[in-house]
Amino acid sequence: MSPRDDETVPDEPLPEHTRPDGVSDLTIEALGKLSEALEVLEDARGSLYRFHRLTGTADLGIGEAVELFRKAGHDEIADRIDREIVGRNVLEGRWTFQIVEEYDAGYFAAVKAADQAARDELVGGRRHLWEAEMKERERTRGLPGHEARPHDASPQG
């Protein structure tokens, strides 16, 4: 929905991107640092899934190589690779899917819960307040491309 010609879109952040009364600068900074750490863990999690997919792709390729060795008449090599490598754990007792699951359910889930709990307790669950305040400090009011929020006032504004 776009604003009508006789309406103006407020050039202020949405309420979910404004600091509640009584919240200190240091609290906003701490929440921002915790959020930043969670974002780094999200990136690490993506790398872990990439590791999972790359390792799985390599494992399938090794299986294909085993079949090609067999077709080429190298049964002893094929048998050895099949026995020693195909189906082998990547870490003790674990394939990569188990590593991903353990990370997700353990450390990642604990940090994500801690971030949510801190935001719930201190700022009513609001996210990215440090960044929202940085945007307000750095944007040029009134300049196209520097609006406080989208014209449709979506929650992502």
C-alpha atoms as a PDB file:
ATOM      1  CA  MET A   1       0.000   0.000   0.000  1.00  0.00           C
ATOM      2  CA  SER A   2       1.460   3.379  -0.923  1.00  0.00           C
ATOM      3  CA  PRO A   3       0.574   6.607   0.845  1.00  0.00           C
ATOM      4  CA  ARG A   4      -2.074   8.810  -0.733  1.00  0.00           C
ATOM      5  CA  ASP A   5      -0.945  12.161  -2.094  1.00  0.00           C
ATOM      6  CA  ASP A   6      -2.435  13.992   0.894  1.00  0.00           C
ATOM      7  CA  GLU A   7      -0.733  11.705   3.454  1.00  0.00           C
ATOM      8  CA  THR A   8       2.853  11.730   4.545  1.00  0.00           C
ATOM      9  CA  VAL A   9       4.757   8.763   5.828  1.00  0.00           C
ATOM     10  CA  PRO A  10       6.261   9.499   9.231  1.00  0.00           C
ATOM     11  CA  ASP A  11      10.022   9.790   9.034  1.00  0.00           C
ATOM     12  CA  GLU A  12      10.492   7.992  12.328  1.00  0.00           C
ATOM     13  CA  PRO A  13      11.363   4.363  13.069  1.00  0.00           C
ATOM     14  CA  LEU A  14       8.593   1.916  13.814  1.00  0.00           C
ATOM     15  CA  PRO A  15       7.918   1.316  17.527  1.00  0.00           C
ATOM     16  CA  GLU A  16       9.625  -2.100  17.414  1.00  0.00           C
ATOM     17  CA  HIS A  17      12.817  -0.285  16.439  1.00  0.00           C
ATOM     18  CA  THR A  18      12.763   2.283  19.232  1.00  0.00           C
ATOM     19  CA  ARG A  19      14.255   2.003  22.681  1.00  0.00           C
ATOM     20  CA  PRO A  20      11.753   1.597  25.523  1.00  0.00           C
ATOM     21  CA  ASP A  21      11.840   4.320  28.155  1.00  0.00           C
ATOM     22  CA  GLY A  22      14.424   3.868  30.859  1.00  0.00           C
ATOM     23  CA  VAL A  23      16.758   1.567  28.918  1.00  0.00           C
ATOM     24  CA  SER A  24      20.392   2.698  29.163  1.00  0.00           C
ATOM     25  CA  ASP A  25      22.933   3.114  26.386  1.00  0.00           C
ATOM     26  CA  LEU A  26      25.029   0.373  27.970  1.00  0.00           C
ATOM     27  CA  THR A  27      22.070  -2.039  27.921  1.00  0.00           C
ATOM     28  CA  ILE A  28      21.473  -1.334  24.226  1.00  0.00           C
ATOM     29  CA  GLU A  29      25.182  -1.842  23.554  1.00  0.00           C
ATOM     30  CA  ALA A  30      25.195  -5.151  25.458  1.00  0.00           C
ATOM     31  CA  LEU A  31      22.124  -6.390  23.595  1.00  0.00           C
ATOM     32  CA  GLY A  32      23.739  -5.310  20.323  1.00  0.00           C
ATOM     33  CA  LYS A  33      26.931  -7.212  21.162  1.00  0.00           C
ATOM     34  CA  LEU A  34      24.940 -10.351  22.055  1.00  0.00           C
ATOM     35  CA  SER A  35      22.959 -10.046  18.823  1.00  0.00           C
ATOM     36  CA  GLU A  36      26.185  -9.578  16.868  1.00  0.00           C
ATOM     37  CA  ALA A  37      27.614 -12.742  18.448  1.00  0.00           C
ATOM     38  CA  LEU A  38      24.448 -14.661  17.530  1.00  0.00           C
ATOM     39  CA  GLU A  39      24.803 -13.454  13.938  1.00  0.00           C
ATOM     40  CA  VAL A  40      28.377 -14.787  13.883  1.00  0.00           C
ATOM     41  CA  LEU A  41      27.075 -18.120  15.183  1.00  0.00           C
ATOM     42  CA  GLU A  42      24.434 -18.125  12.430  1.00  0.00           C
ATOM     43  CA  ASP A  43      27.289 -17.744   9.955  1.00  0.00           C
ATOM     44  CA  ALA A  44      29.236 -20.537  11.678  1.00  0.00           C
ATOM     45  CA  ARG A  45      26.099 -22.683  11.548  1.00  0.00           C
ATOM     46  CA  GLY A  46      25.883 -22.077   7.804  1.00  0.00           C
ATOM     47  CA  SER A  47      29.505 -23.134   7.473  1.00  0.00           C
ATOM     48  CA  LEU A  48      28.732 -26.269   9.453  1.00  0.00           C
ATOM     49  CA  TYR A  49      25.866 -27.111   7.091  1.00  0.00           C
ATOM     50  CA  ARG A  50      28.222 -26.431   4.173  1.00  0.00           C
ATOM     51  CA  PHE A  51      30.729 -28.841   5.758  1.00  0.00           C
ATOM     52  CA  HIS A  52      27.896 -31.386   6.101  1.00  0.00           C
ATOM     53  CA  ARG A  53      26.900 -31.052   2.446  1.00  0.00           C
ATOM     54  CA  LEU A  54      30.467 -31.024   1.085  1.00  0.00           C
ATOM     55  CA  THR A  55      31.456 -34.049   3.128  1.00  0.00           C
ATOM     56  CA  GLY A  56      28.326 -35.896   2.021  1.00  0.00           C
ATOM     57  CA  THR A  57      28.983 -35.027  -1.615  1.00  0.00           C
ATOM     58  CA  ALA A  58      32.566 -36.249  -1.300  1.00  0.00           C
ATOM     59  CA  ASP A  59      31.386 -39.470   0.343  1.00  0.00           C
ATOM     60  CA  LEU A  60      29.001 -40.144  -2.535  1.00  0.00           C
ATOM     61  CA  GLY A  61      31.856 -39.465  -4.965  1.00  0.00           C
ATOM     62  CA  ILE A  62      34.046 -41.970  -3.122  1.00  0.00           C
ATOM     63  CA  GLY A  63      31.259 -44.533  -3.506  1.00  0.00           C
ATOM     64  CA  GLU A  64      31.170 -43.828  -7.244  1.00  0.00           C
ATOM     65  CA  ALA A  65      34.959 -44.187  -7.410  1.00  0.00           C
ATOM     66  CA  VAL A  66      34.666 -47.597  -5.724  1.00  0.00           C
ATOM     67  CA  GLU A  67      32.253 -48.749  -8.428  1.00  0.00           C
ATOM     68  CA  LEU A  68      34.535 -47.430 -11.164  1.00  0.00           C
ATOM     69  CA  PHE A  69      37.532 -49.244  -9.632  1.00  0.00           C
ATOM     70  CA  ARG A  70      35.444 -52.445  -9.696  1.00  0.00           C
ATOM     71  CA  LYS A  71      34.470 -51.915 -13.340  1.00  0.00           C
ATOM     72  CA  ALA A  72      38.138 -51.285 -14.178  1.00  0.00           C
ATOM     73  CA  GLY A  73      39.075 -54.619 -12.596  1.00  0.00           C
ATOM     74  CA  HIS A  74      40.679 -53.236  -9.416  1.00  0.00           C
ATOM     75  CA  ASP A  75      38.548 -55.196  -6.957  1.00  0.00           C
ATOM     76  CA  GLU A  76      41.159 -55.218  -4.196  1.00  0.00           C
ATOM     77  CA  ILE A  77      41.417 -51.408  -4.179  1.00  0.00           C
ATOM     78  CA  ALA A  78      37.633 -51.065  -4.451  1.00  0.00           C
ATOM     79  CA  ASP A  79      37.116 -53.480  -1.551  1.00  0.00           C
ATOM     80  CA  ARG A  80      39.671 -51.702   0.631  1.00  0.00           C
ATOM     81  CA  ILE A  81      38.188 -48.221   0.043  1.00  0.00           C
ATOM     82  CA  ASP A  82      34.646 -49.564   0.444  1.00  0.00           C
ATOM     83  CA  ARG A  83      35.550 -51.277   3.707  1.00  0.00           C
ATOM     84  CA  GLU A  84      37.714 -48.508   5.226  1.00  0.00           C
ATOM     85  CA  ILE A  85      36.088 -45.316   3.975  1.00  0.00           C
ATOM     86  CA  VAL A  86      32.475 -45.750   2.797  1.00  0.00           C
ATOM     87  CA  GLY A  87      30.191 -45.368   5.797  1.00  0.00           C
ATOM     88  CA  ARG A  88      33.034 -44.197   8.047  1.00  0.00           C
ATOM     89  CA  ASN A  89      32.342 -41.743  10.878  1.00  0.00           C
ATOM     90  CA  VAL A  90      33.713 -38.248  10.313  1.00  0.00           C
ATOM     91  CA  LEU A  91      34.261 -37.757  14.044  1.00  0.00           C
ATOM     92  CA  GLU A  92      34.126 -40.435  16.713  1.00  0.00           C
ATOM     93  CA  GLY A  93      30.649 -42.001  16.517  1.00  0.00           C
ATOM     94  CA  ARG A  94      29.286 -39.264  14.279  1.00  0.00           C
ATOM     95  CA  TRP A  95      28.428 -38.604  10.702  1.00  0.00           C
ATOM     96  CA  THR A  96      28.120 -34.949   9.752  1.00  0.00           C
ATOM     97  CA  PHE A  97      24.334 -34.854  10.257  1.00  0.00           C
ATOM     98  CA  GLN A  98      24.922 -35.780  13.910  1.00  0.00           C
ATOM     99  CA  ILE A  99      27.472 -32.974  14.300  1.00  0.00           C
ATOM    100  CA  VAL A 100      24.965 -30.490  12.879  1.00  0.00           C
ATOM    101  CA  GLU A 101      22.189 -31.787  15.136  1.00  0.00           C
ATOM    102  CA  GLU A 102      24.372 -31.637  18.247  1.00  0.00           C
ATOM    103  CA  TYR A 103      25.497 -28.072  17.471  1.00  0.00           C
ATOM    104  CA  ASP A 104      21.926 -26.946  16.765  1.00  0.00           C
ATOM    105  CA  ALA A 105      20.463 -28.522  19.904  1.00  0.00           C
ATOM    106  CA  GLY A 106      23.385 -27.583  22.177  1.00  0.00           C
ATOM    107  CA  TYR A 107      25.479 -24.454  21.928  1.00  0.00           C
ATOM    108  CA  PHE A 108      23.518 -22.704  19.176  1.00  0.00           C
ATOM    109  CA  ALA A 109      20.155 -23.256  20.885  1.00  0.00           C
ATOM    110  CA  ALA A 110      21.544 -22.057  24.237  1.00  0.00           C
ATOM    111  CA  VAL A 111      22.931 -18.820  22.784  1.00  0.00           C
ATOM    112  CA  LYS A 112      19.763 -18.177  20.796  1.00  0.00           C
ATOM    113  CA  ALA A 113      17.640 -18.706  23.931  1.00  0.00           C
ATOM    114  CA  ALA A 114      19.912 -16.426  25.982  1.00  0.00           C
ATOM    115  CA  ASP A 115      19.593 -13.673  23.360  1.00  0.00           C
ATOM    116  CA  GLN A 116      15.805 -14.003  23.274  1.00  0.00           C
ATOM    117  CA  ALA A 117      15.522 -14.044  27.075  1.00  0.00           C
ATOM    118  CA  ALA A 118      17.699 -10.936  27.451  1.00  0.00           C
ATOM    119  CA  ARG A 119      15.678  -9.060  24.826  1.00  0.00           C
ATOM    120  CA  ASP A 120      12.376 -10.170  26.377  1.00  0.00           C
ATOM    121  CA  GLU A 121      13.450  -9.097  29.843  1.00  0.00           C
ATOM    122  CA  LEU A 122      15.110  -5.801  28.937  1.00  0.00           C
ATOM    123  CA  VAL A 123      13.370  -4.382  25.844  1.00  0.00           C
ATOM    124  CA  GLY A 124      10.122  -6.287  25.375  1.00  0.00           C
ATOM    125  CA  GLY A 125      11.662  -8.663  22.820  1.00  0.00           C
ATOM    126  CA  ARG A 126      12.661  -5.913  20.405  1.00  0.00           C
ATOM    127  CA  ARG A 127      15.440  -6.812  17.991  1.00  0.00           C
ATOM    128  CA  HIS A 128      18.285  -4.816  16.446  1.00  0.00           C
ATOM    129  CA  LEU A 129      17.834  -1.707  18.594  1.00  0.00           C
ATOM    130  CA  TRP A 130      21.543  -0.910  18.453  1.00  0.00           C
ATOM    131  CA  GLU A 131      21.451  -1.017  14.646  1.00  0.00           C
ATOM    132  CA  ALA A 132      18.170   0.922  14.500  1.00  0.00           C
ATOM    133  CA  GLU A 133      19.702   3.688  16.591  1.00  0.00           C
ATOM    134  CA  MET A 134      22.818   3.669  14.405  1.00  0.00           C
ATOM    135  CA  LYS A 135      20.578   4.084  11.363  1.00  0.00           C
ATOM    136  CA  GLU A 136      18.896   7.088  12.987  1.00  0.00           C
ATOM    137  CA  ARG A 137      22.292   8.651  13.743  1.00  0.00           C
ATOM    138  CA  GLU A 138      23.712   8.069  10.284  1.00  0.00           C
ATOM    139  CA  ARG A 139      20.866   8.617   7.845  1.00  0.00           C
ATOM    140  CA  THR A 140      20.167  11.995   6.233  1.00  0.00           C
ATOM    141  CA  ARG A 141      16.582  12.938   7.072  1.00  0.00           C
ATOM    142  CA  GLY A 142      14.532  13.992   4.068  1.00  0.00           C
ATOM    143  CA  LEU A 143      16.919  12.539   1.486  1.00  0.00           C
ATOM    144  CA  PRO A 144      15.510   9.814  -0.792  1.00  0.00           C
ATOM    145  CA  GLY A 145      16.980   6.457   0.141  1.00  0.00           C
ATOM    146  CA  HIS A 146      17.392   7.534   3.769  1.00  0.00           C
ATOM    147  CA  GLU A 147      13.808   7.006   4.976  1.00  0.00           C
ATOM    148  CA  ALA A 148      13.288   5.694   8.512  1.00  0.00           C
ATOM    149  CA  ARG A 149      10.994   2.925   7.278  1.00  0.00           C
ATOM    150  CA  PRO A 150       9.343   1.665   4.106  1.00  0.00           C
ATOM    151  CA  HIS A 151       6.266   3.443   2.852  1.00  0.00           C
ATOM    152  CA  ASP A 152       4.157   0.368   3.496  1.00  0.00           C
ATOM    153  CA  ALA A 153       5.260   0.428   7.174  1.00  0.00           C
ATOM    154  CA  SER A 154       5.908  -3.300   7.132  1.00  0.00           C
ATOM    155  CA  PRO A 155       7.312  -4.835  10.312  1.00  0.00           C
ATOM    156  CA  GLN A 156      10.655  -5.187   8.527  1.00  0.00           C
ATOM    157  CA  GLY A 157      10.920  -1.387   8.271  1.00  0.00           C
END
